[in-house]
């Protein structure tokens, strides 16, 4: 017997590895002022990581220039599809998205790690256009 991460955690981790690698490249290349961090979420049906992304006008004074963005990635509760949820509202208990965000979720095939990561990256770039140099 071996001990392993559950599939939903693995899926979430793989998607966010792709997302964070690309966002790190953007931040390095353009010296843009967005930053973020990953945390776990769990509501017994879905579990994985969510990314909090913020922008700041000046790293010294921490003044916000744009509302935070929250992105969840996990395996769908009743299939093996990848589910992406995006919200601009602070997560609820256990890091969960609200019903409104859930209703606007997007699905990708179980093997569409790169397309799901590209979708997230495009949404981040759209939301933080000024900070990303657009």
N, C-alpha and C. Protein backbone atom coordinates (compact mmCIF):
# COMPACT_ATOMS: atom_id res chain seq x y z
N UNK A 1 0.85 -1.18 0.00
CA UNK A 1 0.00 0.00 0.00
C UNK A 1 0.89 1.24 0.00
N UNK A 2 0.47 2.23 -0.75
CA UNK A 2 1.23 3.48 -0.75
C UNK A 2 0.30 4.64 -0.43
N UNK A 3 0.88 5.68 0.08
CA UNK A 3 0.14 6.88 0.43
C UNK A 3 0.38 7.92 -0.64
N UNK A 4 -0.72 8.53 -1.13
CA UNK A 4 -0.62 9.47 -2.23
C UNK A 4 -1.56 10.64 -2.00
N UNK A 5 -1.30 11.71 -2.73
CA UNK A 5 -2.24 12.82 -2.76
C UNK A 5 -3.47 12.37 -3.55
N UNK A 6 -4.64 12.90 -3.19
CA UNK A 6 -5.83 12.58 -3.97
C UNK A 6 -5.72 13.24 -5.34
N UNK A 7 -6.44 12.69 -6.32
CA UNK A 7 -6.32 13.18 -7.70
C UNK A 7 -6.65 14.65 -7.84
N UNK A 8 -7.66 15.14 -7.13
CA UNK A 8 -8.04 16.54 -7.26
C UNK A 8 -6.90 17.47 -6.84
N UNK A 9 -6.19 17.10 -5.80
CA UNK A 9 -5.04 17.89 -5.35
C UNK A 9 -3.95 17.85 -6.43
N UNK A 10 -3.70 16.67 -7.00
CA UNK A 10 -2.68 16.55 -8.04
C UNK A 10 -3.04 17.41 -9.26
N UNK A 11 -4.30 17.37 -9.67
CA UNK A 11 -4.75 18.17 -10.81
C UNK A 11 -4.55 19.65 -10.52
N UNK A 12 -5.01 20.08 -9.37
CA UNK A 12 -4.88 21.48 -8.97
C UNK A 12 -3.41 21.91 -8.97
N UNK A 13 -2.57 21.09 -8.40
CA UNK A 13 -1.14 21.39 -8.32
C UNK A 13 -0.52 21.52 -9.71
N UNK A 14 -0.86 20.62 -10.62
CA UNK A 14 -0.30 20.66 -11.98
C UNK A 14 -0.76 21.90 -12.74
N UNK A 15 -2.05 22.26 -12.61
CA UNK A 15 -2.55 23.46 -13.27
C UNK A 15 -1.82 24.68 -12.74
N UNK A 16 -1.73 24.80 -11.42
CA UNK A 16 -1.11 25.99 -10.84
C UNK A 16 0.40 26.03 -11.05
N UNK A 17 1.04 24.89 -11.21
CA UNK A 17 2.46 24.91 -11.58
C UNK A 17 2.63 25.63 -12.92
N UNK A 18 1.77 25.32 -13.88
CA UNK A 18 1.82 25.97 -15.19
C UNK A 18 1.49 27.46 -15.09
N UNK A 19 0.44 27.78 -14.33
CA UNK A 19 0.00 29.17 -14.19
C UNK A 19 1.09 30.00 -13.52
N UNK A 20 1.60 29.53 -12.40
CA UNK A 20 2.58 30.31 -11.64
C UNK A 20 3.89 30.46 -12.41
N UNK A 21 4.27 29.44 -13.16
CA UNK A 21 5.48 29.56 -13.97
C UNK A 21 5.34 30.69 -14.98
N UNK A 22 4.20 30.75 -15.65
CA UNK A 22 3.96 31.81 -16.64
C UNK A 22 3.85 33.18 -15.98
N UNK A 23 3.13 33.28 -14.88
CA UNK A 23 3.00 34.57 -14.20
C UNK A 23 4.33 35.04 -13.64
N UNK A 24 5.15 34.12 -13.15
CA UNK A 24 6.50 34.49 -12.69
C UNK A 24 7.33 35.04 -13.84
N UNK A 25 7.22 34.43 -15.01
CA UNK A 25 7.95 34.93 -16.19
C UNK A 25 7.48 36.33 -16.56
N UNK A 26 6.17 36.55 -16.53
CA UNK A 26 5.64 37.88 -16.84
C UNK A 26 6.14 38.91 -15.84
N UNK A 27 6.10 38.56 -14.57
CA UNK A 27 6.54 39.49 -13.52
C UNK A 27 8.03 39.80 -13.66
N UNK A 28 8.82 38.80 -13.99
CA UNK A 28 10.26 39.01 -14.15
C UNK A 28 10.55 39.82 -15.40
N UNK A 29 9.91 39.45 -16.49
CA UNK A 29 10.18 40.11 -17.77
C UNK A 29 9.78 41.58 -17.76
N UNK A 30 8.63 41.88 -17.20
CA UNK A 30 8.11 43.24 -17.25
C UNK A 30 8.21 43.99 -15.92
N UNK A 31 8.72 43.33 -14.90
CA UNK A 31 8.81 43.94 -13.57
C UNK A 31 7.45 44.51 -13.14
N UNK A 32 6.43 43.72 -13.33
CA UNK A 32 5.08 44.17 -13.01
C UNK A 32 4.76 43.98 -11.54
N UNK A 33 3.74 44.66 -11.12
CA UNK A 33 3.43 44.70 -9.70
C UNK A 33 2.20 43.89 -9.36
N UNK A 34 2.29 42.62 -9.62
CA UNK A 34 1.28 41.69 -9.12
C UNK A 34 2.02 40.62 -8.34
N UNK A 35 1.34 40.04 -7.39
CA UNK A 35 1.94 38.99 -6.58
C UNK A 35 0.81 38.09 -6.10
N UNK A 36 1.16 36.94 -5.63
CA UNK A 36 0.12 36.05 -5.16
C UNK A 36 0.67 34.88 -4.38
N UNK A 37 -0.24 34.05 -3.93
CA UNK A 37 0.13 32.88 -3.15
C UNK A 37 -0.98 31.84 -3.26
N UNK A 38 -0.59 30.59 -3.05
CA UNK A 38 -1.52 29.46 -3.09
C UNK A 38 -1.90 29.03 -1.69
N UNK A 39 -3.17 28.65 -1.55
CA UNK A 39 -3.67 28.06 -0.31
C UNK A 39 -4.57 26.89 -0.68
N UNK A 40 -4.85 26.06 0.29
CA UNK A 40 -5.74 24.93 0.04
C UNK A 40 -7.19 25.29 0.34
N UNK A 41 -8.08 24.57 -0.31
CA UNK A 41 -9.51 24.67 0.00
C UNK A 41 -10.09 23.27 0.03
N UNK A 42 -11.23 23.14 0.72
CA UNK A 42 -11.85 21.84 0.86
C UNK A 42 -13.29 22.04 1.32
N UNK A 43 -14.22 21.46 0.56
CA UNK A 43 -15.61 21.46 1.02
C UNK A 43 -16.17 20.04 1.02
N UNK A 44 -15.28 19.07 1.08
CA UNK A 44 -15.60 17.64 1.08
C UNK A 44 -15.94 17.11 -0.30
N UNK A 45 -16.45 17.93 -1.19
CA UNK A 45 -16.76 17.49 -2.55
C UNK A 45 -15.64 17.88 -3.51
N UNK A 46 -15.15 19.10 -3.38
CA UNK A 46 -14.01 19.56 -4.17
C UNK A 46 -12.90 19.93 -3.20
N UNK A 47 -11.69 19.70 -3.65
CA UNK A 47 -10.53 20.10 -2.87
C UNK A 47 -9.37 20.36 -3.80
N UNK A 48 -8.51 21.24 -3.39
CA UNK A 48 -7.36 21.59 -4.21
C UNK A 48 -6.73 22.86 -3.68
N UNK A 49 -6.21 23.64 -4.61
CA UNK A 49 -5.58 24.91 -4.26
C UNK A 49 -6.37 26.05 -4.87
N UNK A 50 -6.24 27.22 -4.23
CA UNK A 50 -6.72 28.43 -4.87
C UNK A 50 -5.62 29.46 -4.80
N UNK A 51 -5.58 30.30 -5.81
CA UNK A 51 -4.55 31.32 -5.96
C UNK A 51 -5.16 32.68 -5.66
N UNK A 52 -4.53 33.41 -4.77
CA UNK A 52 -4.90 34.80 -4.50
C UNK A 52 -3.90 35.66 -5.24
N UNK A 53 -4.39 36.59 -6.06
CA UNK A 53 -3.52 37.48 -6.82
C UNK A 53 -3.89 38.91 -6.46
N UNK A 54 -2.88 39.70 -6.15
CA UNK A 54 -3.08 41.10 -5.77
C UNK A 54 -2.16 41.97 -6.60
N UNK A 55 -2.53 43.23 -6.70
CA UNK A 55 -1.63 44.21 -7.31
C UNK A 55 -1.38 45.30 -6.28
N UNK A 56 -0.21 45.84 -6.34
CA UNK A 56 0.13 46.93 -5.43
C UNK A 56 0.87 47.99 -6.21
N UNK A 57 0.56 49.25 -5.92
CA UNK A 57 1.19 50.37 -6.63
C UNK A 57 2.66 50.47 -6.26
N UNK A 58 2.96 50.24 -5.03
CA UNK A 58 4.33 50.35 -4.56
C UNK A 58 4.54 49.29 -3.50
N UNK A 59 5.52 48.46 -3.68
CA UNK A 59 5.74 47.37 -2.73
C UNK A 59 6.09 47.87 -1.34
N UNK A 60 6.52 49.12 -1.21
CA UNK A 60 6.86 49.65 0.11
C UNK A 60 5.64 50.08 0.91
N UNK A 61 4.64 50.65 0.24
CA UNK A 61 3.49 51.13 1.01
C UNK A 61 2.28 50.21 0.91
N UNK A 62 2.36 49.16 0.08
CA UNK A 62 1.30 48.14 -0.03
C UNK A 62 -0.06 48.72 -0.41
N UNK A 63 -0.09 49.82 -1.14
CA UNK A 63 -1.36 50.39 -1.57
C UNK A 63 -1.92 49.60 -2.75
N UNK A 64 -3.15 49.16 -2.64
CA UNK A 64 -3.77 48.35 -3.67
C UNK A 64 -4.20 49.23 -4.84
N UNK A 65 -3.99 48.74 -6.06
CA UNK A 65 -4.42 49.47 -7.24
C UNK A 65 -5.56 48.77 -7.97
N UNK A 66 -5.85 47.53 -7.62
CA UNK A 66 -6.88 46.74 -8.28
C UNK A 66 -7.42 45.74 -7.28
N UNK A 67 -8.69 45.38 -7.40
CA UNK A 67 -9.24 44.39 -6.48
C UNK A 67 -8.54 43.04 -6.65
N UNK A 68 -8.45 42.30 -5.56
CA UNK A 68 -7.83 40.98 -5.60
C UNK A 68 -8.63 40.04 -6.48
N UNK A 69 -7.94 39.03 -7.00
CA UNK A 69 -8.56 38.01 -7.83
C UNK A 69 -8.27 36.66 -7.17
N UNK A 70 -9.27 35.80 -7.17
CA UNK A 70 -9.13 34.47 -6.57
C UNK A 70 -9.47 33.44 -7.64
N UNK A 71 -8.62 32.43 -7.76
CA UNK A 71 -8.80 31.40 -8.78
C UNK A 71 -8.66 30.02 -8.13
N UNK A 72 -9.66 29.17 -8.34
CA UNK A 72 -9.65 27.81 -7.83
C UNK A 72 -9.49 26.85 -9.01
N UNK A 73 -8.75 25.78 -8.79
CA UNK A 73 -8.63 24.71 -9.79
C UNK A 73 -8.71 23.39 -9.06
N UNK A 74 -9.53 22.49 -9.59
CA UNK A 74 -9.66 21.17 -8.97
C UNK A 74 -10.32 20.23 -9.96
N UNK A 75 -10.43 19.00 -9.55
CA UNK A 75 -11.17 18.03 -10.34
C UNK A 75 -12.65 18.19 -9.99
N UNK A 76 -13.49 18.13 -10.99
CA UNK A 76 -14.93 18.25 -10.78
C UNK A 76 -15.41 17.15 -9.83
N UNK A 77 -16.39 17.46 -9.01
CA UNK A 77 -16.85 16.51 -7.99
C UNK A 77 -17.49 15.26 -8.55
N UNK A 78 -18.06 15.32 -9.75
CA UNK A 78 -18.74 14.14 -10.27
C UNK A 78 -18.23 13.70 -11.66
N UNK A 79 -17.02 14.13 -11.99
CA UNK A 79 -16.37 13.67 -13.22
C UNK A 79 -14.87 13.85 -13.04
N UNK A 80 -14.10 13.58 -14.07
CA UNK A 80 -12.67 13.81 -13.97
C UNK A 80 -12.25 15.06 -14.73
N UNK A 81 -13.23 15.92 -15.07
CA UNK A 81 -12.92 17.18 -15.73
C UNK A 81 -12.22 18.13 -14.76
N UNK A 82 -11.50 19.08 -15.32
CA UNK A 82 -10.85 20.13 -14.53
C UNK A 82 -11.85 21.27 -14.40
N UNK A 83 -12.06 21.72 -13.18
CA UNK A 83 -12.99 22.83 -12.93
C UNK A 83 -12.19 24.05 -12.49
N UNK A 84 -12.47 25.18 -13.13
CA UNK A 84 -11.83 26.46 -12.79
C UNK A 84 -12.92 27.42 -12.32
N UNK A 85 -12.70 28.04 -11.18
CA UNK A 85 -13.64 29.03 -10.64
C UNK A 85 -12.85 30.31 -10.40
N UNK A 86 -13.41 31.44 -10.82
CA UNK A 86 -12.77 32.74 -10.62
C UNK A 86 -13.73 33.65 -9.88
N UNK A 87 -13.21 34.39 -8.93
CA UNK A 87 -14.02 35.33 -8.16
C UNK A 87 -13.18 36.54 -7.76
N UNK A 88 -13.87 37.61 -7.42
CA UNK A 88 -13.21 38.81 -6.92
C UNK A 88 -13.66 39.09 -5.48
N UNK A 89 -14.35 38.11 -4.91
CA UNK A 89 -14.79 38.18 -3.51
C UNK A 89 -13.90 37.29 -2.66
N UNK A 90 -13.58 37.75 -1.49
CA UNK A 90 -12.71 36.99 -0.58
C UNK A 90 -13.34 35.62 -0.30
N UNK A 91 -12.52 34.57 -0.31
CA UNK A 91 -13.04 33.22 -0.05
C UNK A 91 -13.73 33.10 1.31
N UNK A 92 -14.66 32.17 1.38
CA UNK A 92 -15.39 31.92 2.62
C UNK A 92 -14.63 30.89 3.45
N UNK A 93 -15.29 30.33 4.42
CA UNK A 93 -14.68 29.35 5.31
C UNK A 93 -14.07 28.20 4.51
N UNK A 94 -12.97 27.69 4.95
CA UNK A 94 -12.21 26.62 4.28
C UNK A 94 -11.72 27.02 2.89
N UNK A 95 -11.63 28.34 2.64
CA UNK A 95 -11.13 28.81 1.36
C UNK A 95 -12.08 28.63 0.20
N UNK A 96 -13.36 28.51 0.48
CA UNK A 96 -14.33 28.18 -0.57
C UNK A 96 -14.85 29.41 -1.31
N UNK A 97 -15.17 29.19 -2.56
CA UNK A 97 -15.82 30.20 -3.41
C UNK A 97 -17.29 30.27 -3.03
N UNK A 98 -17.94 31.37 -3.43
CA UNK A 98 -19.36 31.50 -3.14
C UNK A 98 -20.19 30.92 -4.30
N UNK A 99 -21.48 30.88 -4.12
CA UNK A 99 -22.39 30.28 -5.10
C UNK A 99 -22.35 31.03 -6.44
N UNK A 100 -22.24 32.33 -6.40
CA UNK A 100 -22.19 33.12 -7.63
C UNK A 100 -20.95 32.75 -8.47
N UNK A 101 -19.82 32.63 -7.83
CA UNK A 101 -18.59 32.23 -8.54
C UNK A 101 -18.74 30.81 -9.08
N UNK A 102 -19.33 29.94 -8.27
CA UNK A 102 -19.52 28.55 -8.69
C UNK A 102 -20.40 28.45 -9.93
N UNK A 103 -21.40 29.28 -10.00
CA UNK A 103 -22.31 29.27 -11.15
C UNK A 103 -21.59 29.69 -12.45
N UNK A 104 -20.49 30.40 -12.33
CA UNK A 104 -19.73 30.87 -13.50
C UNK A 104 -18.48 30.03 -13.76
N UNK A 105 -18.42 28.84 -13.19
CA UNK A 105 -17.25 27.97 -13.34
C UNK A 105 -17.07 27.56 -14.80
N UNK A 106 -15.84 27.14 -15.12
CA UNK A 106 -15.51 26.64 -16.46
C UNK A 106 -14.95 25.24 -16.32
N UNK A 107 -15.24 24.40 -17.28
CA UNK A 107 -14.75 23.03 -17.28
C UNK A 107 -13.81 22.79 -18.46
N UNK A 108 -12.83 21.95 -18.22
CA UNK A 108 -11.87 21.52 -19.23
C UNK A 108 -11.73 20.01 -19.12
N UNK A 109 -11.37 19.36 -20.20
CA UNK A 109 -11.18 17.92 -20.18
C UNK A 109 -10.10 17.52 -19.19
N UNK A 110 -10.15 16.28 -18.74
CA UNK A 110 -9.21 15.80 -17.73
C UNK A 110 -7.76 15.93 -18.16
N UNK A 111 -7.51 15.94 -19.48
CA UNK A 111 -6.14 16.03 -19.99
C UNK A 111 -5.80 17.43 -20.50
N UNK A 112 -6.66 18.40 -20.23
CA UNK A 112 -6.45 19.77 -20.73
C UNK A 112 -5.83 20.67 -19.66
N UNK A 113 -4.69 20.24 -19.15
CA UNK A 113 -3.98 21.03 -18.14
C UNK A 113 -3.53 22.37 -18.72
N UNK A 114 -2.89 22.34 -19.89
CA UNK A 114 -2.39 23.58 -20.48
C UNK A 114 -3.52 24.52 -20.89
N UNK A 115 -4.59 24.04 -21.54
CA UNK A 115 -5.70 24.95 -21.85
C UNK A 115 -6.34 25.57 -20.61
N UNK A 116 -6.46 24.79 -19.54
CA UNK A 116 -7.04 25.36 -18.32
C UNK A 116 -6.10 26.40 -17.71
N UNK A 117 -4.79 26.14 -17.75
CA UNK A 117 -3.82 27.12 -17.26
C UNK A 117 -3.84 28.37 -18.14
N UNK A 118 -3.91 28.19 -19.45
CA UNK A 118 -3.97 29.34 -20.37
C UNK A 118 -5.21 30.19 -20.11
N UNK A 119 -6.34 29.55 -19.83
CA UNK A 119 -7.56 30.28 -19.51
C UNK A 119 -7.34 31.16 -18.27
N UNK A 120 -6.76 30.59 -17.24
CA UNK A 120 -6.49 31.36 -16.01
C UNK A 120 -5.55 32.51 -16.30
N UNK A 121 -4.46 32.24 -16.99
CA UNK A 121 -3.47 33.28 -17.31
C UNK A 121 -4.12 34.42 -18.09
N UNK A 122 -4.95 34.09 -19.07
CA UNK A 122 -5.63 35.13 -19.84
C UNK A 122 -6.57 35.96 -18.98
N UNK A 123 -7.27 35.32 -18.05
CA UNK A 123 -8.15 36.05 -17.15
C UNK A 123 -7.36 36.98 -16.22
N UNK A 124 -6.22 36.51 -15.75
CA UNK A 124 -5.36 37.33 -14.89
C UNK A 124 -4.85 38.53 -15.68
N UNK A 125 -4.37 38.29 -16.89
CA UNK A 125 -3.85 39.38 -17.72
C UNK A 125 -4.94 40.40 -18.03
N UNK A 126 -6.15 39.91 -18.28
CA UNK A 126 -7.27 40.82 -18.55
C UNK A 126 -7.60 41.67 -17.32
N UNK A 127 -7.65 41.03 -16.16
CA UNK A 127 -8.01 41.75 -14.94
C UNK A 127 -6.93 42.74 -14.51
N UNK A 128 -5.67 42.35 -14.66
CA UNK A 128 -4.56 43.18 -14.25
C UNK A 128 -3.85 43.80 -15.45
N UNK A 129 -4.60 44.20 -16.47
CA UNK A 129 -4.02 44.70 -17.72
C UNK A 129 -3.01 45.82 -17.50
N UNK A 130 -3.36 46.80 -16.70
CA UNK A 130 -2.45 47.93 -16.46
C UNK A 130 -1.16 47.47 -15.80
N UNK A 131 -1.30 46.64 -14.77
CA UNK A 131 -0.15 46.15 -14.04
C UNK A 131 0.73 45.24 -14.89
N UNK A 132 0.12 44.59 -15.88
CA UNK A 132 0.85 43.66 -16.74
C UNK A 132 1.42 44.36 -17.98
N UNK A 133 1.26 45.67 -18.05
CA UNK A 133 1.86 46.42 -19.15
C UNK A 133 1.05 46.45 -20.42
N UNK A 134 -0.26 46.33 -20.31
CA UNK A 134 -1.12 46.35 -21.51
C UNK A 134 -1.78 47.69 -21.66
